[in-house]
Amino acid sequence: MDSLIKKTALLSGLLLISLVSFPQCEIQNRVSATGSMVYFMEPVNFYWTSSKSLNGCISTDKESYFLELFPIPFPEKPAGNDLKDNLELKLSGGKTCTLEHFDSRYIRKDTVFKLVYLIENKDLELLTNFEVTEARINMNGDEGIRAYVFKLHKAALMEQLNCFLKEAEEEKKK
């Protein structure tokens, strides 16, 4: 009887580890303001303190890939619309990557601020093979560069991007 309990506990533990190690790709979609379909994953928390936080996710229109970031605190309207600098990402292994600014917008009745950066094809290999360890956003004004050292979910962007690329490859095979 003890042997059966031990085997069941071991099997349950291995199953739990496998589910945590290989997160499922839960791709969601929404219609953008332009009427096109945008596919995205649930934003994850990369950095959090009592004074600031950073959430984000990968999104795509099935032609290009984007990094959406939600910094808190964010500038009051309309100052956030002036944030147009590129994003510098530090990656594991000492690599760096610069993403081009694509859009800045207030959403949900101006209670959320979103920065969108284009992931160019040349950056796909880096972002699919290395974890993000830091994001540097120029917040302009007195604050200047705001550095978010990723404390949580360093591999999330890599995993999300790989999910999208895997799905795109599977669609091509059909």
C-alpha atoms as a PDB file:
ATOM      1  CA  MET A   1       0.000   0.000   0.000  1.00  0.00           C
ATOM      2  CA  ASP A   2       2.843   2.406   0.876  1.00  0.00           C
ATOM      3  CA  SER A   3       4.419   1.625  -2.475  1.00  0.00           C
ATOM      4  CA  LEU A   4       1.227   2.608  -4.317  1.00  0.00           C
ATOM      5  CA  ILE A   5       1.016   5.923  -2.421  1.00  0.00           C
ATOM      6  CA  LYS A   6       4.673   6.706  -3.139  1.00  0.00           C
ATOM      7  CA  LYS A   7       4.236   5.910  -6.847  1.00  0.00           C
ATOM      8  CA  THR A   8       1.097   8.041  -7.047  1.00  0.00           C
ATOM      9  CA  ALA A   9       2.832  10.963  -5.292  1.00  0.00           C
ATOM     10  CA  LEU A  10       5.856  10.658  -7.604  1.00  0.00           C
ATOM     11  CA  LEU A  11       3.675  10.492 -10.704  1.00  0.00           C
ATOM     12  CA  SER A  12       1.628  13.495  -9.543  1.00  0.00           C
ATOM     13  CA  GLY A  13       4.814  15.473  -8.857  1.00  0.00           C
ATOM     14  CA  LEU A  14       6.244  14.687 -12.291  1.00  0.00           C
ATOM     15  CA  LEU A  15       2.975  15.665 -13.938  1.00  0.00           C
ATOM     16  CA  LEU A  16       2.907  18.966 -12.057  1.00  0.00           C
ATOM     17  CA  ILE A  17       6.529  19.711 -12.987  1.00  0.00           C
ATOM     18  CA  SER A  18       5.831  18.965 -16.652  1.00  0.00           C
ATOM     19  CA  LEU A  19       2.828  21.321 -16.686  1.00  0.00           C
ATOM     20  CA  VAL A  20       4.851  24.121 -15.099  1.00  0.00           C
ATOM     21  CA  SER A  21       7.876  23.520 -17.343  1.00  0.00           C
ATOM     22  CA  PHE A  22       5.885  23.579 -20.584  1.00  0.00           C
ATOM     23  CA  PRO A  23       3.271  26.304 -20.335  1.00  0.00           C
ATOM     24  CA  GLN A  24       0.396  26.009 -22.736  1.00  0.00           C
ATOM     25  CA  CYS A  25      -0.015  28.538 -25.499  1.00  0.00           C
ATOM     26  CA  GLU A  26      -3.262  30.283 -24.718  1.00  0.00           C
ATOM     27  CA  ILE A  27      -3.594  32.662 -27.636  1.00  0.00           C
ATOM     28  CA  GLN A  28      -6.411  35.166 -27.406  1.00  0.00           C
ATOM     29  CA  ASN A  29      -7.648  37.640 -29.995  1.00  0.00           C
ATOM     30  CA  ARG A  30      -9.344  40.989 -30.295  1.00  0.00           C
ATOM     31  CA  VAL A  31     -10.277  43.356 -33.091  1.00  0.00           C
ATOM     32  CA  SER A  32      -8.023  46.411 -33.175  1.00  0.00           C
ATOM     33  CA  ALA A  33      -9.191  49.986 -33.722  1.00  0.00           C
ATOM     34  CA  THR A  34      -8.300  49.609 -37.415  1.00  0.00           C
ATOM     35  CA  GLY A  35     -10.566  46.573 -37.741  1.00  0.00           C
ATOM     36  CA  SER A  36      -7.777  43.995 -38.070  1.00  0.00           C
ATOM     37  CA  MET A  37      -7.491  40.957 -35.819  1.00  0.00           C
ATOM     38  CA  VAL A  38      -4.747  41.017 -33.190  1.00  0.00           C
ATOM     39  CA  TYR A  39      -3.588  37.843 -31.448  1.00  0.00           C
ATOM     40  CA  PHE A  40      -1.987  38.075 -28.023  1.00  0.00           C
ATOM     41  CA  MET A  41      -1.298  36.225 -24.804  1.00  0.00           C
ATOM     42  CA  GLU A  42      -2.219  37.308 -21.320  1.00  0.00           C
ATOM     43  CA  PRO A  43       0.268  39.950 -20.087  1.00  0.00           C
ATOM     44  CA  VAL A  44       2.652  38.746 -17.388  1.00  0.00           C
ATOM     45  CA  ASN A  45       4.260  40.685 -14.559  1.00  0.00           C
ATOM     46  CA  PHE A  46       8.001  41.221 -15.038  1.00  0.00           C
ATOM     47  CA  TYR A  47       8.709  43.716 -12.311  1.00  0.00           C
ATOM     48  CA  TRP A  48       6.795  44.900  -9.266  1.00  0.00           C
ATOM     49  CA  THR A  49       7.536  47.164  -6.325  1.00  0.00           C
ATOM     50  CA  SER A  50       5.303  49.456  -4.304  1.00  0.00           C
ATOM     51  CA  SER A  51       6.257  52.372  -6.575  1.00  0.00           C
ATOM     52  CA  LYS A  52       6.433  50.869 -10.074  1.00  0.00           C
ATOM     53  CA  SER A  53       5.650  47.791 -12.119  1.00  0.00           C
ATOM     54  CA  LEU A  54       5.913  46.468 -15.660  1.00  0.00           C
ATOM     55  CA  ASN A  55       3.631  43.957 -17.351  1.00  0.00           C
ATOM     56  CA  GLY A  56       3.778  42.846 -20.947  1.00  0.00           C
ATOM     57  CA  CYS A  57       3.170  40.290 -23.653  1.00  0.00           C
ATOM     58  CA  ILE A  58       3.799  39.401 -27.272  1.00  0.00           C
ATOM     59  CA  SER A  59       1.126  40.157 -29.864  1.00  0.00           C
ATOM     60  CA  THR A  60       0.842  39.659 -33.606  1.00  0.00           C
ATOM     61  CA  ASP A  61      -1.335  40.492 -36.557  1.00  0.00           C
ATOM     62  CA  LYS A  62       0.082  37.348 -38.231  1.00  0.00           C
ATOM     63  CA  GLU A  63       2.376  39.529 -40.339  1.00  0.00           C
ATOM     64  CA  SER A  64       4.506  41.204 -37.671  1.00  0.00           C
ATOM     65  CA  TYR A  65       5.270  40.543 -34.020  1.00  0.00           C
ATOM     66  CA  PHE A  66       5.054  43.181 -31.308  1.00  0.00           C
ATOM     67  CA  LEU A  67       6.026  43.587 -27.666  1.00  0.00           C
ATOM     68  CA  GLU A  68       3.310  45.314 -25.643  1.00  0.00           C
ATOM     69  CA  LEU A  69       4.415  46.851 -22.345  1.00  0.00           C
ATOM     70  CA  PHE A  70       2.254  48.361 -19.603  1.00  0.00           C
ATOM     71  CA  PRO A  71       4.430  50.536 -17.327  1.00  0.00           C
ATOM     72  CA  ILE A  72       3.118  51.854 -14.024  1.00  0.00           C
ATOM     73  CA  PRO A  73       3.183  54.696 -13.172  1.00  0.00           C
ATOM     74  CA  PHE A  74       2.612  56.167 -16.588  1.00  0.00           C
ATOM     75  CA  PRO A  75       2.548  59.814 -17.691  1.00  0.00           C
ATOM     76  CA  GLU A  76      -0.750  61.641 -17.633  1.00  0.00           C
ATOM     77  CA  LYS A  77      -2.466  62.242 -20.930  1.00  0.00           C
ATOM     78  CA  PRO A  78      -1.275  63.594 -23.378  1.00  0.00           C
ATOM     79  CA  ALA A  79       2.390  63.376 -22.248  1.00  0.00           C
ATOM     80  CA  GLY A  80       2.473  59.617 -22.837  1.00  0.00           C
ATOM     81  CA  ASN A  81       1.816  60.134 -26.531  1.00  0.00           C
ATOM     82  CA  ASP A  82       5.243  61.799 -26.722  1.00  0.00           C
ATOM     83  CA  LEU A  83       7.035  58.594 -25.640  1.00  0.00           C
ATOM     84  CA  LYS A  84       8.423  57.509 -28.990  1.00  0.00           C
ATOM     85  CA  ASP A  85      11.938  56.291 -28.227  1.00  0.00           C
ATOM     86  CA  ASN A  86      13.041  52.762 -29.017  1.00  0.00           C
ATOM     87  CA  LEU A  87      13.187  50.121 -26.298  1.00  0.00           C
ATOM     88  CA  GLU A  88      16.468  48.653 -25.150  1.00  0.00           C
ATOM     89  CA  LEU A  89      16.314  45.084 -23.876  1.00  0.00           C
ATOM     90  CA  LYS A  90      19.147  43.351 -22.063  1.00  0.00           C
ATOM     91  CA  LEU A  91      19.094  39.605 -22.569  1.00  0.00           C
ATOM     92  CA  SER A  92      20.705  36.683 -20.807  1.00  0.00           C
ATOM     93  CA  GLY A  93      24.171  35.839 -22.049  1.00  0.00           C
ATOM     94  CA  GLY A  94      25.129  39.530 -22.202  1.00  0.00           C
ATOM     95  CA  LYS A  95      23.174  40.148 -25.413  1.00  0.00           C
ATOM     96  CA  THR A  96      21.214  43.332 -26.115  1.00  0.00           C
ATOM     97  CA  CYS A  97      18.345  44.050 -28.449  1.00  0.00           C
ATOM     98  CA  THR A  98      16.731  47.330 -29.511  1.00  0.00           C
ATOM     99  CA  LEU A  99      13.081  47.319 -30.571  1.00  0.00           C
ATOM    100  CA  GLU A 100      11.609  50.116 -32.646  1.00  0.00           C
ATOM    101  CA  HIS A 101       8.788  52.150 -31.115  1.00  0.00           C
ATOM    102  CA  PHE A 102       5.519  51.401 -32.899  1.00  0.00           C
ATOM    103  CA  ASP A 103       2.729  52.990 -30.841  1.00  0.00           C
ATOM    104  CA  SER A 104       1.871  54.634 -27.525  1.00  0.00           C
ATOM    105  CA  ARG A 105      -1.736  54.741 -26.412  1.00  0.00           C
ATOM    106  CA  TYR A 106      -4.063  55.116 -23.508  1.00  0.00           C
ATOM    107  CA  ILE A 107      -6.694  52.400 -23.263  1.00  0.00           C
ATOM    108  CA  ARG A 108      -9.656  51.445 -21.084  1.00  0.00           C
ATOM    109  CA  LYS A 109     -10.843  55.026 -20.641  1.00  0.00           C
ATOM    110  CA  ASP A 110      -7.270  56.209 -20.060  1.00  0.00           C
ATOM    111  CA  THR A 111      -6.745  53.992 -16.995  1.00  0.00           C
ATOM    112  CA  VAL A 112      -4.079  51.899 -18.732  1.00  0.00           C
ATOM    113  CA  PHE A 113      -1.130  53.023 -20.836  1.00  0.00           C
ATOM    114  CA  LYS A 114       0.399  50.738 -23.447  1.00  0.00           C
ATOM    115  CA  LEU A 115       3.695  51.023 -25.295  1.00  0.00           C
ATOM    116  CA  VAL A 116       4.023  48.863 -28.404  1.00  0.00           C
ATOM    117  CA  TYR A 117       7.354  47.954 -30.001  1.00  0.00           C
ATOM    118  CA  LEU A 118       7.941  46.209 -33.327  1.00  0.00           C
ATOM    119  CA  ILE A 119       9.968  42.999 -33.221  1.00  0.00           C
ATOM    120  CA  GLU A 120      11.891  42.942 -36.480  1.00  0.00           C
ATOM    121  CA  ASN A 121      12.900  39.668 -38.130  1.00  0.00           C
ATOM    122  CA  LYS A 122      16.544  40.263 -37.167  1.00  0.00           C
ATOM    123  CA  ASP A 123      15.503  40.296 -33.494  1.00  0.00           C
ATOM    124  CA  LEU A 124      13.403  37.114 -33.579  1.00  0.00           C
ATOM    125  CA  GLU A 125      16.384  34.790 -33.138  1.00  0.00           C
ATOM    126  CA  LEU A 126      17.648  36.678 -30.087  1.00  0.00           C
ATOM    127  CA  LEU A 127      14.228  36.875 -28.449  1.00  0.00           C
ATOM    128  CA  THR A 128      13.416  33.209 -29.083  1.00  0.00           C
ATOM    129  CA  ASN A 129      16.695  32.000 -27.569  1.00  0.00           C
ATOM    130  CA  PHE A 130      17.458  34.337 -24.673  1.00  0.00           C
ATOM    131  CA  GLU A 131      15.571  35.482 -21.585  1.00  0.00           C
ATOM    132  CA  VAL A 132      14.943  39.200 -21.075  1.00  0.00           C
ATOM    133  CA  THR A 133      16.715  40.451 -17.966  1.00  0.00           C
ATOM    134  CA  GLU A 134      16.078  44.205 -18.231  1.00  0.00           C
ATOM    135  CA  ALA A 135      13.974  46.702 -20.179  1.00  0.00           C
ATOM    136  CA  ARG A 136      14.987  50.355 -20.467  1.00  0.00           C
ATOM    137  CA  ILE A 137      12.220  52.824 -21.362  1.00  0.00           C
ATOM    138  CA  ASN A 138      12.814  56.544 -21.895  1.00  0.00           C
ATOM    139  CA  MET A 139       9.980  58.164 -19.927  1.00  0.00           C
ATOM    140  CA  ASN A 140      11.128  61.675 -20.968  1.00  0.00           C
ATOM    141  CA  GLY A 141      10.943  64.701 -18.703  1.00  0.00           C
ATOM    142  CA  ASP A 142      12.591  64.684 -15.297  1.00  0.00           C
ATOM    143  CA  GLU A 143      12.577  60.911 -15.006  1.00  0.00           C
ATOM    144  CA  GLY A 144      14.517  60.038 -18.159  1.00  0.00           C
ATOM    145  CA  ILE A 145      15.402  56.358 -18.588  1.00  0.00           C
ATOM    146  CA  ARG A 146      13.407  53.983 -16.406  1.00  0.00           C
ATOM    147  CA  ALA A 147      15.134  50.610 -16.016  1.00  0.00           C
ATOM    148  CA  TYR A 148      13.081  47.552 -15.135  1.00  0.00           C
ATOM    149  CA  VAL A 149      15.308  44.689 -14.023  1.00  0.00           C
ATOM    150  CA  PHE A 150      13.142  41.629 -14.582  1.00  0.00           C
ATOM    151  CA  LYS A 151      12.566  39.854 -11.294  1.00  0.00           C
ATOM    152  CA  LEU A 152       9.689  37.675 -12.488  1.00  0.00           C
ATOM    153  CA  HIS A 153       8.993  35.592 -15.599  1.00  0.00           C
ATOM    154  CA  LYS A 154      12.267  36.316 -17.405  1.00  0.00           C
ATOM    155  CA  ALA A 155      11.531  33.583 -19.965  1.00  0.00           C
ATOM    156  CA  ALA A 156       7.900  34.575 -20.601  1.00  0.00           C
ATOM    157  CA  LEU A 157       8.521  36.641 -23.738  1.00  0.00           C
ATOM    158  CA  MET A 158      10.750  33.929 -25.186  1.00  0.00           C
ATOM    159  CA  GLU A 159       8.077  31.294 -24.487  1.00  0.00           C
ATOM    160  CA  GLN A 160       5.245  33.416 -25.891  1.00  0.00           C
ATOM    161  CA  LEU A 161       7.138  34.248 -29.066  1.00  0.00           C
ATOM    162  CA  ASN A 162       8.069  30.589 -29.558  1.00  0.00           C
ATOM    163  CA  CYS A 163       4.383  29.653 -29.169  1.00  0.00           C
ATOM    164  CA  PHE A 164       3.357  32.113 -31.871  1.00  0.00           C
ATOM    165  CA  LEU A 165       6.123  30.954 -34.207  1.00  0.00           C
ATOM    166  CA  LYS A 166       5.217  27.305 -33.642  1.00  0.00           C
ATOM    167  CA  GLU A 167       1.564  28.010 -34.415  1.00  0.00           C
ATOM    168  CA  ALA A 168       2.515  29.963 -37.560  1.00  0.00           C
ATOM    169  CA  GLU A 169       4.654  27.015 -38.703  1.00  0.00           C
ATOM    170  CA  GLU A 170       1.780  24.597 -38.096  1.00  0.00           C
ATOM    171  CA  GLU A 171      -0.591  26.828 -40.094  1.00  0.00           C
ATOM    172  CA  LYS A 172       1.858  26.829 -43.019  1.00  0.00           C
ATOM    173  CA  LYS A 173       1.834  23.026 -43.044  1.00  0.00           C
ATOM    174  CA  LYS A 174      -1.949  22.915 -43.444  1.00  0.00           C
END
